[in-house]
Each structure stands twice: as C-alpha cells, then as structure tokens.
Amino acid sequence: MSRPRQYNRDEVLSKSTELFWEKGFEATSMNQVANRTGVNKYSIYNEFGNKEKLFLACIDYFLHNHCFVEEILSKEPLGLKNIEAFFEYKVRSFYSEAGKGCLIFNSLDERDTLSKSANVKIDKFIFKIKVLFHHCLNAAQERKEISKDKDCEALANYLSCFTFGLVNLGMKKMNKKELSKTIELALLIIRN
C-alpha cells in the first residue's frame, strides 16, 4: 500500500514552473526543484518520472494558469482590437514586477536541447497563435478594418515572427517607449 502524498501536486507544479520560467530547462536541476518546492527528489521523481516529464507538466500548467493569449485573441468580436490587446498584454508582461516573459517563448532558445515532446508542445502553441492571428485578420478584413487586398496568411506569419522578435527584445528590457513604437509600426503595416 502506498503512502498518501505529503504535498500538493499543484503547488509543486506552480513552484517548478516558476523555476523553469526563471532559469530555463537546462539550467534547472532537480536539486533546485526539490529546494524550491520543499518536496524531496524521490517524491518528485515518483510523481513525474524525470525532469523532462516534470517540464512537460509545467508547460501544461503554465498554459492553463499563466498564459492568456488564447483568451485575448479569440475574444468576440474578432478583429484588430484583439491583436492590439495581445501586444499590450505582452508589453505589460515584460514590464511587470516578475518580467519573465513567457515560459514557452523563453524555451525557444533551448529547442536543440529539449525533447521531441517538449518541442511538439511548443510548436502547437506557436501554431495556435498563428491561427488565432489569422482568424483575427480575416475578421478584420470582413469588418473593413484592413484592406481586402491583404494576404491574411502572410500577415499571420509576419505577426508570429514579429512576436518572437518582440519577446526577445522585451526580455532584453528594451525601453518601453521604443517597444511600443515598434508595435505601432507593425500594426501600421497591417492596416496600410
């Protein structure tokens, strides 16, 4: 008969997610996870299997509890307001007290060292953002917020690439005013 858990799984995930978010996958050790969570490594291995599986669970935890991208981009009515709100949200996240950016985007720097399973989760998230951009752009065309001549697929790709660059600049603490101007220029490209 197994002993009852002496810890809260969600608390372990929350604290582990924070650690991966701050340090990245490679720089996070299971000793650090044990110290941060207050749960011994044996229990963590017993619950999650290994560091990679813990990281995968942390990605899911992050997407469910910290990432509001889908909510913002899929808010009705769809259109340019959603895209503007998305970028406002990203800028706020860079300049918040935590200022850690996004666990998923931060993990892009480590793609070569991450497992196939982790990369699949990251790719699904990135693809979802592109699809949501595309839906917003199509709606913006229908509502005459942007020209019918615009290629929404190309613009969705552009916004996805722009977002990755924005995250990189934001994490380097680019001046908030400069970052806002850069976003304004990207939105101007979409509108004109």
Foldseek 3Di string as FASTA:
>chain_A
DDDDDPADPLLLLVQVLLVCLQQNLVRDDLVNSCVRSVHDSVVVCVVQVDSQSSVVVSLVSCCVPPDCLCVLLVDPPAAVNSVVVNLVVQLCCCPPPSNSGGSLLVNVVVVVVHDPSSVVSSVVVLVVQLVSQLSSLVSHCVVVQADPPDDSNVLSVVVSVVVSVLSVCSSVPDPSVVSVVVVVVSVVVRRD
